[in-house]
Each structure stands twice: as C-alpha cells, then as structure tokens.
Amino acid sequence: MPAETIIHLYKQHGTYEQCHSELKTDVDLERFPSGTFATNELVLALGSLAYNLLRSIGQDVQSGNDLPVSKNVFRQRLKTVIQHMILFAARMVHHARGRRLSLFRGPPGKTVLSVLFHRYTPT
C-alpha cells in the first residue's frame, strides 16, 4: 500500500479506538450484566442505539457551534454531549393537543435540542 493510505488508515484506527472507549465508559458497557448471550446482545443493541443518538446530537451541536468549547475539536466526546445537552432541567408540557419541551434557563444547546426533539418525535 502507498504511505498516504497507511497513514490515513492509521488515523482512522485512532478514531475507532476512541469510539470503542466511549461505548465502554460513557455508555457504561464495560461489563455485560448477564451470563446469557441473548440478554447481553439486547443490552449491546440498546447501548449502540444510545451511542448513535448521542453521537447524532453531538454532531448537530458541533455544526451549530452552540456548545461553549474552549478550543476547536474534531468531534465532541459523548461525556461532553451528555454534560451539556442531557443533564439539565426540562419538562414535557402537554397543552392544547400539543406537546412541547420546556427548557429552563436556556442551556447552551437549547436550539439544537429543540430541533432534534421535533425531528425524532412523530407528529
């Protein structure tokens, strides 16, 4: 293989290692809960779904520049996405045959989270 291809593949290997590390630590899948393969398969599938949703939120926030980051980064870690986008006060309001997400004190990613909520909520 040419040297450029090997360097590109090596950089991608580091990205995959980081994703694997995030899946284990940030989604808390370091140890599987059961000795049964089917149960562990379900836990891994649900963990992968949560990982992909958080990654989608992180990419939307990154493109919108809504998070107060101290430096430009290639991608947000899941821990950062969880801290800034998930762990803040909110409530679901049902009023006049509609639903809306009421966010308190304007978190940094309020607009992005609102757009994502309407994107993934069936009408």
PDB file of N, CA and C in Angstrom:
ATOM      1  N   MET A   1       0.841  -1.191   0.000  1.00  0.00           N
ATOM      2  CA  MET A   1       0.000   0.000   0.000  1.00  0.00           C
ATOM      3  C   MET A   1       0.882   1.249   0.000  1.00  0.00           C
ATOM      4  N   PRO A   2       0.376   2.318  -0.594  1.00  0.00           N
ATOM      5  CA  PRO A   2       1.126   3.577  -0.544  1.00  0.00           C
ATOM      6  C   PRO A   2       1.155   4.138   0.885  1.00  0.00           C
ATOM      7  N   ALA A   3       2.161   4.944   1.163  1.00  0.00           N
ATOM      8  CA  ALA A   3       2.329   5.512   2.503  1.00  0.00           C
ATOM      9  C   ALA A   3       1.148   6.382   2.905  1.00  0.00           C
ATOM     10  N   GLU A   4       0.573   7.125   1.957  1.00  0.00           N
ATOM     11  CA  GLU A   4      -0.581   8.000   2.274  1.00  0.00           C
ATOM     12  C   GLU A   4      -1.776   7.179   2.747  1.00  0.00           C
ATOM     13  N   THR A   5      -2.012   6.033   2.109  1.00  0.00           N
ATOM     14  CA  THR A   5      -3.129   5.163   2.502  1.00  0.00           C
ATOM     15  C   THR A   5      -2.909   4.608   3.900  1.00  0.00           C
ATOM     16  N   ILE A   6      -1.705   4.189   4.193  1.00  0.00           N
ATOM     17  CA  ILE A   6      -1.399   3.633   5.516  1.00  0.00           C
ATOM     18  C   ILE A   6      -1.576   4.698   6.596  1.00  0.00           C
ATOM     19  N   ILE A   7      -1.128   5.915   6.331  1.00  0.00           N
ATOM     20  CA  ILE A   7      -1.290   6.998   7.307  1.00  0.00           C
ATOM     21  C   ILE A   7      -2.766   7.293   7.529  1.00  0.00           C
ATOM     22  N   HIS A   8      -3.555   7.320   6.466  1.00  0.00           N
ATOM     23  CA  HIS A   8      -4.997   7.576   6.597  1.00  0.00           C
ATOM     24  C   HIS A   8      -5.672   6.471   7.410  1.00  0.00           C
ATOM     25  N   LEU A   9      -5.333   5.212   7.120  1.00  0.00           N
ATOM     26  CA  LEU A   9      -5.916   4.097   7.870  1.00  0.00           C
ATOM     27  C   LEU A   9      -5.505   4.143   9.339  1.00  0.00           C
ATOM     28  N   TYR A  10      -4.273   4.535   9.610  1.00  0.00           N
ATOM     29  CA  TYR A  10      -3.808   4.623  10.992  1.00  0.00           C
ATOM     30  C   TYR A  10      -4.576   5.700  11.752  1.00  0.00           C
ATOM     31  N   LYS A  11      -4.839   6.850  11.116  1.00  0.00           N
ATOM     32  CA  LYS A  11      -5.624   7.902  11.770  1.00  0.00           C
ATOM     33  C   LYS A  11      -7.043   7.428  12.041  1.00  0.00           C
ATOM     34  N   GLN A  12      -7.629   6.679  11.105  1.00  0.00           N
ATOM     35  CA  GLN A  12      -8.970   6.139  11.319  1.00  0.00           C
ATOM     36  C   GLN A  12      -8.979   5.117  12.455  1.00  0.00           C
ATOM     37  N   HIS A  13      -7.902   4.372  12.632  1.00  0.00           N
ATOM     38  CA  HIS A  13      -7.799   3.405  13.719  1.00  0.00           C
ATOM     39  C   HIS A  13      -7.908   4.111  15.074  1.00  0.00           C
ATOM     40  N   GLY A  14      -7.279   5.260  15.202  1.00  0.00           N
ATOM     41  CA  GLY A  14      -7.371   6.018  16.448  1.00  0.00           C
ATOM     42  C   GLY A  14      -8.778   6.498  16.717  1.00  0.00           C
ATOM     43  N   THR A  15      -9.494   6.895  15.667  1.00  0.00           N
ATOM     44  CA  THR A  15     -10.890   7.318  15.824  1.00  0.00           C
ATOM     45  C   THR A  15     -11.746   6.143  16.274  1.00  0.00           C
ATOM     46  N   TYR A  16     -11.530   4.967  15.691  1.00  0.00           N
ATOM     47  CA  TYR A  16     -12.294   3.785  16.092  1.00  0.00           C
ATOM     48  C   TYR A  16     -11.994   3.401  17.531  1.00  0.00           C
ATOM     49  N   GLU A  17     -10.745   3.508  17.933  1.00  0.00           N
ATOM     50  CA  GLU A  17     -10.384   3.209  19.317  1.00  0.00           C
ATOM     51  C   GLU A  17     -11.084   4.162  20.285  1.00  0.00           C
ATOM     52  N   GLN A  18     -11.178   5.434  19.917  1.00  0.00           N
ATOM     53  CA  GLN A  18     -11.862   6.405  20.768  1.00  0.00           C
ATOM     54  C   GLN A  18     -13.350   6.087  20.856  1.00  0.00           C
ATOM     55  N   CYS A  19     -13.972   5.719  19.741  1.00  0.00           N
ATOM     56  CA  CYS A  19     -15.397   5.345  19.752  1.00  0.00           C
ATOM     57  C   CYS A  19     -15.623   4.124  20.627  1.00  0.00           C
ATOM     58  N   HIS A  20     -14.739   3.135  20.529  1.00  0.00           N
ATOM     59  CA  HIS A  20     -14.852   1.939  21.349  1.00  0.00           C
ATOM     60  C   HIS A  20     -14.709   2.286  22.830  1.00  0.00           C
ATOM     61  N   SER A  21     -13.784   3.170  23.147  1.00  0.00           N
ATOM     62  CA  SER A  21     -13.588   3.600  24.530  1.00  0.00           C
ATOM     63  C   SER A  21     -14.826   4.333  25.055  1.00  0.00           C
ATOM     64  N   GLU A  22     -15.406   5.201  24.226  1.00  0.00           N
ATOM     65  CA  GLU A  22     -16.611   5.921  24.646  1.00  0.00           C
ATOM     66  C   GLU A  22     -17.772   4.967  24.868  1.00  0.00           C
ATOM     67  N   LEU A  23     -17.918   3.971  24.000  1.00  0.00           N
ATOM     68  CA  LEU A  23     -19.003   3.000  24.162  1.00  0.00           C
ATOM     69  C   LEU A  23     -18.853   2.255  25.476  1.00  0.00           C
ATOM     70  N   LYS A  24     -17.622   1.921  25.841  1.00  0.00           N
ATOM     71  CA  LYS A  24     -17.402   1.198  27.083  1.00  0.00           C
ATOM     72  C   LYS A  24     -17.580   2.084  28.315  1.00  0.00           C
ATOM     73  N   THR A  25     -17.005   3.284  28.314  1.00  0.00           N
ATOM     74  CA  THR A  25     -17.011   4.092  29.531  1.00  0.00           C
ATOM     75  C   THR A  25     -18.219   5.012  29.629  1.00  0.00           C
ATOM     76  N   ASP A  26     -18.489   5.809  28.592  1.00  0.00           N
ATOM     77  CA  ASP A  26     -19.550   6.814  28.682  1.00  0.00           C
ATOM     78  C   ASP A  26     -20.947   6.207  28.627  1.00  0.00           C
ATOM     79  N   VAL A  27     -21.128   5.119  27.888  1.00  0.00           N
ATOM     80  CA  VAL A  27     -22.429   4.448  27.819  1.00  0.00           C
ATOM     81  C   VAL A  27     -22.497   3.350  28.886  1.00  0.00           C
ATOM     82  N   ASP A  28     -21.391   3.129  29.594  1.00  0.00           N
ATOM     83  CA  ASP A  28     -21.299   2.181  30.712  1.00  0.00           C
ATOM     84  C   ASP A  28     -21.545   0.741  30.266  1.00  0.00           C
ATOM     85  N   LEU A  29     -20.829   0.315  29.241  1.00  0.00           N
ATOM     86  CA  LEU A  29     -20.910  -1.067  28.782  1.00  0.00           C
ATOM     87  C   LEU A  29     -19.577  -1.789  28.959  1.00  0.00           C
ATOM     88  N   GLU A  30     -18.907  -1.519  30.073  1.00  0.00           N
ATOM     89  CA  GLU A  30     -17.633  -2.179  30.319  1.00  0.00           C
ATOM     90  C   GLU A  30     -17.817  -3.657  30.632  1.00  0.00           C
ATOM     91  N   ARG A  31     -18.870  -3.958  31.371  1.00  0.00           N
ATOM     92  CA  ARG A  31     -19.164  -5.347  31.712  1.00  0.00           C
ATOM     93  C   ARG A  31     -20.625  -5.613  31.390  1.00  0.00           C
ATOM     94  N   PHE A  32     -20.888  -6.761  30.800  1.00  0.00           N
ATOM     95  CA  PHE A  32     -22.264  -7.111  30.478  1.00  0.00           C
ATOM     96  C   PHE A  32     -22.958  -7.655  31.720  1.00  0.00           C
ATOM     97  N   PRO A  33     -24.264  -7.410  31.839  1.00  0.00           N
ATOM     98  CA  PRO A  33     -24.967  -7.715  33.085  1.00  0.00           C
ATOM     99  C   PRO A  33     -25.326  -9.179  33.287  1.00  0.00           C
ATOM    100  N   SER A  34     -25.259 -10.003  32.254  1.00  0.00           N
ATOM    101  CA  SER A  34     -25.791 -11.350  32.369  1.00  0.00           C
ATOM    102  C   SER A  34     -24.817 -12.366  31.792  1.00  0.00           C
ATOM    103  N   GLY A  35     -25.048 -13.610  32.141  1.00  0.00           N
ATOM    104  CA  GLY A  35     -24.297 -14.702  31.544  1.00  0.00           C
ATOM    105  C   GLY A  35     -24.993 -15.251  30.320  1.00  0.00           C
ATOM    106  N   THR A  36     -26.187 -14.743  30.040  1.00  0.00           N
ATOM    107  CA  THR A  36     -26.971 -15.192  28.900  1.00  0.00           C
ATOM    108  C   THR A  36     -26.623 -14.359  27.671  1.00  0.00           C
ATOM    109  N   PHE A  37     -26.325 -15.033  26.574  1.00  0.00           N
ATOM    110  CA  PHE A  37     -25.921 -14.334  25.360  1.00  0.00           C
ATOM    111  C   PHE A  37     -27.037 -13.437  24.828  1.00  0.00           C
ATOM    112  N   ALA A  38     -28.273 -13.901  24.847  1.00  0.00           N
ATOM    113  CA  ALA A  38     -29.393 -13.115  24.298  1.00  0.00           C
ATOM    114  C   ALA A  38     -29.598 -11.823  25.085  1.00  0.00           C
ATOM    115  N   THR A  39     -29.469 -11.882  26.395  1.00  0.00           N
ATOM    116  CA  THR A  39     -29.606 -10.684  27.215  1.00  0.00           C
ATOM    117  C   THR A  39     -28.486  -9.696  26.927  1.00  0.00           C
ATOM    118  N   ASN A  40     -27.271 -10.186  26.839  1.00  0.00           N
ATOM    119  CA  ASN A  40     -26.144  -9.315  26.540  1.00  0.00           C
ATOM    120  C   ASN A  40     -26.244  -8.721  25.138  1.00  0.00           C
ATOM    121  N   GLU A  41     -26.783  -9.493  24.192  1.00  0.00           N
ATOM    122  CA  GLU A  41     -26.990  -8.986  22.840  1.00  0.00           C
ATOM    123  C   GLU A  41     -27.977  -7.818  22.841  1.00  0.00           C
ATOM    124  N   LEU A  42     -29.058  -7.946  23.616  1.00  0.00           N
ATOM    125  CA  LEU A  42     -30.044  -6.870  23.728  1.00  0.00           C
ATOM    126  C   LEU A  42     -29.439  -5.633  24.387  1.00  0.00           C
ATOM    127  N   VAL A  43     -28.661  -5.824  25.441  1.00  0.00           N
ATOM    128  CA  VAL A  43     -28.013  -4.700  26.119  1.00  0.00           C
ATOM    129  C   VAL A  43     -27.058  -3.988  25.169  1.00  0.00           C
ATOM    130  N   LEU A  44     -26.289  -4.744  24.390  1.00  0.00           N
ATOM    131  CA  LEU A  44     -25.366  -4.141  23.434  1.00  0.00           C
ATOM    132  C   LEU A  44     -26.117  -3.396  22.328  1.00  0.00           C
ATOM    133  N   ALA A  45     -27.236  -3.953  21.862  1.00  0.00           N
ATOM    134  CA  ALA A  45     -28.028  -3.273  20.829  1.00  0.00           C
ATOM    135  C   ALA A  45     -28.605  -1.961  21.359  1.00  0.00           C
ATOM    136  N   LEU A  46     -29.122  -1.962  22.576  1.00  0.00           N
ATOM    137  CA  LEU A  46     -29.664  -0.730  23.168  1.00  0.00           C
ATOM    138  C   LEU A  46     -28.552   0.277  23.458  1.00  0.00           C
ATOM    139  N   GLY A  47     -27.387  -0.212  23.899  1.00  0.00           N
ATOM    140  CA  GLY A  47     -26.252   0.674  24.112  1.00  0.00           C
ATOM    141  C   GLY A  47     -25.773   1.300  22.817  1.00  0.00           C
ATOM    142  N   SER A  48     -25.786   0.529  21.733  1.00  0.00           N
ATOM    143  CA  SER A  48     -25.401   1.067  20.424  1.00  0.00           C
ATOM    144  C   SER A  48     -26.385   2.115  19.943  1.00  0.00           C
ATOM    145  N   LEU A  49     -27.672   1.881  20.198  1.00  0.00           N
ATOM    146  CA  LEU A  49     -28.687   2.873  19.838  1.00  0.00           C
ATOM    147  C   LEU A  49     -28.474   4.171  20.606  1.00  0.00           C
ATOM    148  N   ALA A  50     -28.237   4.062  21.915  1.00  0.00           N
ATOM    149  CA  ALA A  50     -27.979   5.256  22.723  1.00  0.00           C
ATOM    150  C   ALA A  50     -26.714   5.965  22.253  1.00  0.00           C
ATOM    151  N   TYR A  51     -25.677   5.203  21.941  1.00  0.00           N
ATOM    152  CA  TYR A  51     -24.428   5.789  21.463  1.00  0.00           C
ATOM    153  C   TYR A  51     -24.660   6.569  20.168  1.00  0.00           C
ATOM    154  N   ASN A  52     -25.385   5.957  19.224  1.00  0.00           N
ATOM    155  CA  ASN A  52     -25.614   6.616  17.937  1.00  0.00           C
ATOM    156  C   ASN A  52     -26.480   7.865  18.079  1.00  0.00           C
ATOM    157  N   LEU A  53     -27.483   7.830  18.966  1.00  0.00           N
ATOM    158  CA  LEU A  53     -28.300   9.032  19.194  1.00  0.00           C
ATOM    159  C   LEU A  53     -27.466  10.152  19.814  1.00  0.00           C
ATOM    160  N   LEU A  54     -26.644   9.813  20.791  1.00  0.00           N
ATOM    161  CA  LEU A  54     -25.777  10.820  21.399  1.00  0.00           C
ATOM    162  C   LEU A  54     -24.758  11.357  20.400  1.00  0.00           C
ATOM    163  N   ARG A  55     -24.249  10.500  19.547  1.00  0.00           N
ATOM    164  CA  ARG A  55     -23.310  10.944  18.514  1.00  0.00           C
ATOM    165  C   ARG A  55     -24.009  11.902  17.542  1.00  0.00           C
ATOM    166  N   SER A  56     -25.268  11.595  17.191  1.00  0.00           N
ATOM    167  CA  SER A  56     -26.037  12.475  16.309  1.00  0.00           C
ATOM    168  C   SER A  56     -26.249  13.843  16.954  1.00  0.00           C
ATOM    169  N   ILE A  57     -26.582  13.842  18.234  1.00  0.00           N
ATOM    170  CA  ILE A  57     -26.741  15.105  18.959  1.00  0.00           C
ATOM    171  C   ILE A  57     -25.422  15.865  18.978  1.00  0.00           C
ATOM    172  N   GLY A  58     -24.335  15.176  19.233  1.00  0.00           N
ATOM    173  CA  GLY A  58     -23.021  15.817  19.271  1.00  0.00           C
ATOM    174  C   GLY A  58     -22.624  16.414  17.938  1.00  0.00           C
ATOM    175  N   GLN A  59     -22.945  15.741  16.843  1.00  0.00           N
ATOM    176  CA  GLN A  59     -22.617  16.269  15.525  1.00  0.00           C
ATOM    177  C   GLN A  59     -23.462  17.492  15.197  1.00  0.00           C
ATOM    178  N   ASP A  60     -24.748  17.471  15.569  1.00  0.00           N
ATOM    179  CA  ASP A  60     -25.605  18.629  15.320  1.00  0.00           C
ATOM    180  C   ASP A  60     -25.159  19.822  16.148  1.00  0.00           C
ATOM    181  N   VAL A  61     -24.761  19.576  17.383  1.00  0.00           N
ATOM    182  CA  VAL A  61     -24.278  20.663  18.238  1.00  0.00           C
ATOM    183  C   VAL A  61     -22.975  21.209  17.683  1.00  0.00           C
ATOM    184  N   GLN A  62     -22.095  20.307  17.239  1.00  0.00           N
ATOM    185  CA  GLN A  62     -20.805  20.724  16.686  1.00  0.00           C
ATOM    186  C   GLN A  62     -21.000  21.600  15.460  1.00  0.00           C
ATOM    187  N   SER A  63     -21.947  21.245  14.592  1.00  0.00           N
ATOM    188  CA  SER A  63     -22.166  22.021  13.374  1.00  0.00           C
ATOM    189  C   SER A  63     -22.834  23.356  13.682  1.00  0.00           C
ATOM    190  N   GLY A  64     -23.632  23.405  14.774  1.00  0.00           N
ATOM    191  CA  GLY A  64     -24.309  24.646  15.125  1.00  0.00           C
ATOM    192  C   GLY A  64     -23.494  25.560  16.015  1.00  0.00           C
ATOM    193  N   ASN A  65     -22.365  25.068  16.520  1.00  0.00           N
ATOM    194  CA  ASN A  65     -21.497  25.843  17.420  1.00  0.00           C
ATOM    195  C   ASN A  65     -22.263  26.388  18.623  1.00  0.00           C
ATOM    196  N   ASP A  66     -23.121  25.569  19.224  1.00  0.00           N
ATOM    197  CA  ASP A  66     -23.908  26.010  20.365  1.00  0.00           C
ATOM    198  C   ASP A  66     -23.246  25.714  21.699  1.00  0.00           C
ATOM    199  N   LEU A  67     -22.278  24.814  21.718  1.00  0.00           N
ATOM    200  CA  LEU A  67     -21.626  24.495  22.981  1.00  0.00           C
ATOM    201  C   LEU A  67     -20.477  25.461  23.234  1.00  0.00           C
ATOM    202  N   PRO A  68     -20.325  25.894  24.479  1.00  0.00           N
ATOM    203  CA  PRO A  68     -19.183  26.762  24.787  1.00  0.00           C
ATOM    204  C   PRO A  68     -17.904  25.942  24.898  1.00  0.00           C
ATOM    205  N   VAL A  69     -17.204  25.760  23.805  1.00  0.00           N
ATOM    206  CA  VAL A  69     -15.969  24.981  23.829  1.00  0.00           C
ATOM    207  C   VAL A  69     -14.783  25.923  23.899  1.00  0.00           C
ATOM    208  N   SER A  70     -13.732  25.482  24.584  1.00  0.00           N
ATOM    209  CA  SER A  70     -12.562  26.334  24.762  1.00  0.00           C
ATOM    210  C   SER A  70     -11.638  26.297  23.549  1.00  0.00           C
ATOM    211  N   LYS A  71     -11.756  25.251  22.727  1.00  0.00           N
ATOM    212  CA  LYS A  71     -10.932  25.152  21.531  1.00  0.00           C
ATOM    213  C   LYS A  71     -11.702  24.371  20.472  1.00  0.00           C
ATOM    214  N   ASN A  72     -11.297  24.521  19.234  1.00  0.00           N
ATOM    215  CA  ASN A  72     -11.931  23.777  18.156  1.00  0.00           C
ATOM    216  C   ASN A  72     -11.494  22.318  18.224  1.00  0.00           C
ATOM    217  N   VAL A  73     -12.468  21.418  18.143  1.00  0.00           N
ATOM    218  CA  VAL A  73     -12.188  19.990  18.202  1.00  0.00           C
ATOM    219  C   VAL A  73     -12.814  19.323  16.990  1.00  0.00           C
ATOM    220  N   PHE A  74     -12.287  18.148  16.644  1.00  0.00           N
ATOM    221  CA  PHE A  74     -12.783  17.399  15.500  1.00  0.00           C
ATOM    222  C   PHE A  74     -14.172  16.836  15.777  1.00  0.00           C
ATOM    223  N   ARG A  75     -14.375  16.332  17.000  1.00  0.00           N
ATOM    224  CA  ARG A  75     -15.670  15.769  17.386  1.00  0.00           C
ATOM    225  C   ARG A  75     -15.821  15.881  18.893  1.00  0.00           C
ATOM    226  N   GLN A  76     -17.072  15.960  19.333  1.00  0.00           N
ATOM    227  CA  GLN A  76     -17.354  16.042  20.764  1.00  0.00           C
ATOM    228  C   GLN A  76     -17.347  14.637  21.363  1.00  0.00           C
ATOM    229  N   ARG A  77     -16.747  14.488  22.518  1.00  0.00           N
ATOM    230  CA  ARG A  77     -16.852  13.212  23.235  1.00  0.00           C
ATOM    231  C   ARG A  77     -18.258  13.073  23.788  1.00  0.00           C
ATOM    232  N   LEU A  78     -18.699  11.842  23.962  1.00  0.00           N
ATOM    233  CA  LEU A  78     -20.047  11.616  24.476  1.00  0.00           C
ATOM    234  C   LEU A  78     -20.223  12.206  25.864  1.00  0.00           C
ATOM    235  N   LYS A  79     -19.177  12.154  26.669  1.00  0.00           N
ATOM    236  CA  LYS A  79     -19.259  12.706  28.025  1.00  0.00           C
ATOM    237  C   LYS A  79     -19.593  14.195  27.976  1.00  0.00           C
ATOM    238  N   THR A  80     -18.980  14.921  27.043  1.00  0.00           N
ATOM    239  CA  THR A  80     -19.261  16.346  26.884  1.00  0.00           C
ATOM    240  C   THR A  80     -20.682  16.573  26.411  1.00  0.00           C
ATOM    241  N   VAL A  81     -21.138  15.765  25.471  1.00  0.00           N
ATOM    242  CA  VAL A  81     -22.514  15.890  24.974  1.00  0.00           C
ATOM    243  C   VAL A  81     -23.503  15.624  26.097  1.00  0.00           C
ATOM    244  N   ILE A  82     -23.258  14.598  26.887  1.00  0.00           N
ATOM    245  CA  ILE A  82     -24.161  14.276  27.992  1.00  0.00           C
ATOM    246  C   ILE A  82     -24.188  15.408  29.012  1.00  0.00           C
ATOM    247  N   GLN A  83     -23.027  15.954  29.350  1.00  0.00           N
ATOM    248  CA  GLN A  83     -22.971  17.022  30.348  1.00  0.00           C
ATOM    249  C   GLN A  83     -23.689  18.280  29.877  1.00  0.00           C
ATOM    250  N   HIS A  84     -23.509  18.659  28.614  1.00  0.00           N
ATOM    251  CA  HIS A  84     -24.068  19.925  28.139  1.00  0.00           C
ATOM    252  C   HIS A  84     -25.491  19.811  27.603  1.00  0.00           C
ATOM    253  N   MET A  85     -25.863  18.653  27.074  1.00  0.00           N
ATOM    254  CA  MET A  85     -27.145  18.544  26.392  1.00  0.00           C
ATOM    255  C   MET A  85     -28.183  17.710  27.148  1.00  0.00           C
ATOM    256  N   ILE A  86     -27.762  16.771  27.945  1.00  0.00           N
ATOM    257  CA  ILE A  86     -28.706  15.849  28.565  1.00  0.00           C
ATOM    258  C   ILE A  86     -28.974  16.210  30.028  1.00  0.00           C
ATOM    259  N   LEU A  87     -27.958  16.606  30.763  1.00  0.00           N
ATOM    260  CA  LEU A  87     -28.096  16.827  32.201  1.00  0.00           C
ATOM    261  C   LEU A  87     -28.472  18.274  32.525  1.00  0.00           C
ATOM    262  N   PHE A  88     -29.660  18.658  32.175  1.00  0.00           N
ATOM    263  CA  PHE A  88     -30.183  19.955  32.592  1.00  0.00           C
ATOM    264  C   PHE A  88     -31.685  19.811  32.769  1.00  0.00           C
ATOM    265  N   ALA A  89     -32.272  20.765  33.461  1.00  0.00           N
ATOM    266  CA  ALA A  89     -33.684  20.670  33.810  1.00  0.00           C
ATOM    267  C   ALA A  89     -34.579  20.963  32.605  1.00  0.00           C
ATOM    268  N   ALA A  90     -35.585  20.113  32.420  1.00  0.00           N
ATOM    269  CA  ALA A  90     -36.564  20.297  31.356  1.00  0.00           C
ATOM    270  C   ALA A  90     -37.824  19.538  31.748  1.00  0.00           C
ATOM    271  N   ARG A  91     -38.926  19.876  31.088  1.00  0.00           N
ATOM    272  CA  ARG A  91     -40.147  19.113  31.312  1.00  0.00           C
ATOM    273  C   ARG A  91     -40.964  19.090  30.032  1.00  0.00           C
ATOM    274  N   MET A  92     -41.759  18.030  29.891  1.00  0.00           N
ATOM    275  CA  MET A  92     -42.635  17.881  28.748  1.00  0.00           C
ATOM    276  C   MET A  92     -43.972  18.520  29.103  1.00  0.00           C
ATOM    277  N   VAL A  93     -44.433  19.445  28.260  1.00  0.00           N
ATOM    278  CA  VAL A  93     -45.681  20.154  28.503  1.00  0.00           C
ATOM    279  C   VAL A  93     -46.709  19.696  27.468  1.00  0.00           C
ATOM    280  N   HIS A  94     -47.847  19.190  27.941  1.00  0.00           N
ATOM    281  CA  HIS A  94     -48.964  18.815  27.074  1.00  0.00           C
ATOM    282  C   HIS A  94     -50.026  19.886  27.244  1.00  0.00           C
ATOM    283  N   HIS A  95     -50.316  20.606  26.164  1.00  0.00           N
ATOM    284  CA  HIS A  95     -51.287  21.692  26.252  1.00  0.00           C
ATOM    285  C   HIS A  95     -51.920  21.888  24.878  1.00  0.00           C
ATOM    286  N   ALA A  96     -53.235  22.032  24.867  1.00  0.00           N
ATOM    287  CA  ALA A  96     -53.996  22.314  23.647  1.00  0.00           C
ATOM    288  C   ALA A  96     -53.667  21.314  22.541  1.00  0.00           C
ATOM    289  N   ARG A  97     -53.748  20.039  22.860  1.00  0.00           N
ATOM    290  CA  ARG A  97     -53.495  18.947  21.924  1.00  0.00           C
ATOM    291  C   ARG A  97     -52.097  18.982  21.299  1.00  0.00           C
ATOM    292  N   GLY A  98     -51.186  19.552  21.997  1.00  0.00           N
ATOM    293  CA  GLY A  98     -49.818  19.618  21.500  1.00  0.00           C
ATOM    294  C   GLY A  98     -48.826  19.262  22.578  1.00  0.00           C
ATOM    295  N   ARG A  99     -47.618  19.021  22.153  1.00  0.00           N
ATOM    296  CA  ARG A  99     -46.542  18.728  23.077  1.00  0.00           C
ATOM    297  C   ARG A  99     -45.407  19.696  22.802  1.00  0.00           C
ATOM    298  N   ARG A 100     -44.753  20.096  23.867  1.00  0.00           N
ATOM    299  CA  ARG A 100     -43.549  20.893  23.685  1.00  0.00           C
ATOM    300  C   ARG A 100     -42.611  20.617  24.845  1.00  0.00           C
ATOM    301  N   LEU A 101     -41.359  20.824  24.571  1.00  0.00           N
ATOM    302  CA  LEU A 101     -40.330  20.610  25.570  1.00  0.00           C
ATOM    303  C   LEU A 101     -39.989  21.963  26.162  1.00  0.00           C
ATOM    304  N   SER A 102     -40.203  22.111  27.458  1.00  0.00           N
ATOM    305  CA  SER A 102     -39.914  23.362  28.140  1.00  0.00           C
ATOM    306  C   SER A 102     -38.538  23.254  28.784  1.00  0.00           C
ATOM    307  N   LEU A 103     -37.613  24.064  28.308  1.00  0.00           N
ATOM    308  CA  LEU A 103     -36.241  24.046  28.803  1.00  0.00           C
ATOM    309  C   LEU A 103     -36.026  25.226  29.730  1.00  0.00           C
ATOM    310  N   PHE A 104     -35.338  25.004  30.820  1.00  0.00           N
ATOM    311  CA  PHE A 104     -35.140  26.031  31.827  1.00  0.00           C
ATOM    312  C   PHE A 104     -33.773  26.696  31.683  1.00  0.00           C
ATOM    313  N   ARG A 105     -33.718  27.983  31.883  1.00  0.00           N
ATOM    314  CA  ARG A 105     -32.506  28.799  31.930  1.00  0.00           C
ATOM    315  C   ARG A 105     -31.658  28.749  30.665  1.00  0.00           C
ATOM    316  N   GLY A 106     -32.242  28.400  29.552  1.00  0.00           N
ATOM    317  CA  GLY A 106     -31.537  28.461  28.277  1.00  0.00           C
ATOM    318  C   GLY A 106     -30.185  27.778  28.248  1.00  0.00           C
ATOM    319  N   PRO A 107     -30.146  26.433  28.243  1.00  0.00           N
ATOM    320  CA  PRO A 107     -28.855  25.742  28.170  1.00  0.00           C
ATOM    321  C   PRO A 107     -28.161  26.062  26.851  1.00  0.00           C
ATOM    322  N   PRO A 108     -26.878  25.802  26.761  1.00  0.00           N
ATOM    323  CA  PRO A 108     -26.117  26.178  25.571  1.00  0.00           C
ATOM    324  C   PRO A 108     -26.661  25.595  24.275  1.00  0.00           C
ATOM    325  N   GLY A 109     -27.198  24.389  24.302  1.00  0.00           N
ATOM    326  CA  GLY A 109     -27.668  23.763  23.074  1.00  0.00           C
ATOM    327  C   GLY A 109     -29.169  23.744  22.944  1.00  0.00           C
ATOM    328  N   LYS A 110     -29.852  24.743  23.497  1.00  0.00           N
ATOM    329  CA  LYS A 110     -31.317  24.750  23.518  1.00  0.00           C
ATOM    330  C   LYS A 110     -31.906  24.650  22.118  1.00  0.00           C
ATOM    331  N   THR A 111     -31.393  25.406  21.174  1.00  0.00           N
ATOM    332  CA  THR A 111     -31.962  25.381  19.826  1.00  0.00           C
ATOM    333  C   THR A 111     -31.710  24.042  19.154  1.00  0.00           C
ATOM    334  N   VAL A 112     -30.526  23.479  19.332  1.00  0.00           N
ATOM    335  CA  VAL A 112     -30.216  22.194  18.717  1.00  0.00           C
ATOM    336  C   VAL A 112     -31.083  21.097  19.313  1.00  0.00           C
ATOM    337  N   LEU A 113     -31.238  21.081  20.634  1.00  0.00           N
ATOM    338  CA  LEU A 113     -32.054  20.063  21.277  1.00  0.00           C
ATOM    339  C   LEU A 113     -33.509  20.192  20.859  1.00  0.00           C
ATOM    340  N   SER A 114     -33.995  21.398  20.700  1.00  0.00           N
ATOM    341  CA  SER A 114     -35.369  21.606  20.252  1.00  0.00           C
ATOM    342  C   SER A 114     -35.573  21.065  18.833  1.00  0.00           C
ATOM    343  N   VAL A 115     -34.614  21.332  17.949  1.00  0.00           N
ATOM    344  CA  VAL A 115     -34.697  20.821  16.573  1.00  0.00           C
ATOM    345  C   VAL A 115     -34.655  19.299  16.572  1.00  0.00           C
ATOM    346  N   LEU A 116     -33.766  18.700  17.360  1.00  0.00           N
ATOM    347  CA  LEU A 116     -33.678  17.245  17.434  1.00  0.00           C
ATOM    348  C   LEU A 116     -34.945  16.629  18.004  1.00  0.00           C
ATOM    349  N   PHE A 117     -35.535  17.290  18.997  1.00  0.00           N
ATOM    350  CA  PHE A 117     -36.764  16.781  19.589  1.00  0.00           C
ATOM    351  C   PHE A 117     -37.868  16.710  18.536  1.00  0.00           C
ATOM    352  N   HIS A 118     -37.997  17.759  17.742  1.00  0.00           N
ATOM    353  CA  HIS A 118     -39.045  17.766  16.715  1.00  0.00           C
ATOM    354  C   HIS A 118     -38.711  16.825  15.560  1.00  0.00           C
ATOM    355  N   ARG A 119     -37.429  16.590  15.306  1.00  0.00           N
ATOM    356  CA  ARG A 119     -37.032  15.671  14.233  1.00  0.00           C
ATOM    357  C   ARG A 119     -37.372  14.232  14.582  1.00  0.00           C
ATOM    358  N   TYR A 120     -37.146  13.839  15.847  1.00  0.00           N
ATOM    359  CA  TYR A 120     -37.327  12.437  16.232  1.00  0.00           C
ATOM    360  C   TYR A 120     -38.676  12.151  16.876  1.00  0.00           C
ATOM    361  N   THR A 121     -39.536  13.157  17.030  1.00  0.00           N
ATOM    362  CA  THR A 121     -40.848  12.948  17.608  1.00  0.00           C
ATOM    363  C   THR A 121     -41.867  12.776  16.494  1.00  0.00           C
ATOM    364  N   PRO A 122     -42.642  11.683  16.508  1.00  0.00           N
ATOM    365  CA  PRO A 122     -43.655  11.527  15.460  1.00  0.00           C
ATOM    366  C   PRO A 122     -44.769  12.556  15.630  1.00  0.00           C
ATOM    367  N   THR A 123     -45.295  13.026  14.518  1.00  0.00           N
ATOM    368  CA  THR A 123     -46.372  14.033  14.582  1.00  0.00           C
ATOM    369  C   THR A 123     -47.728  13.409  14.438  1.00  0.00           C
TER     370      THR A 123
END
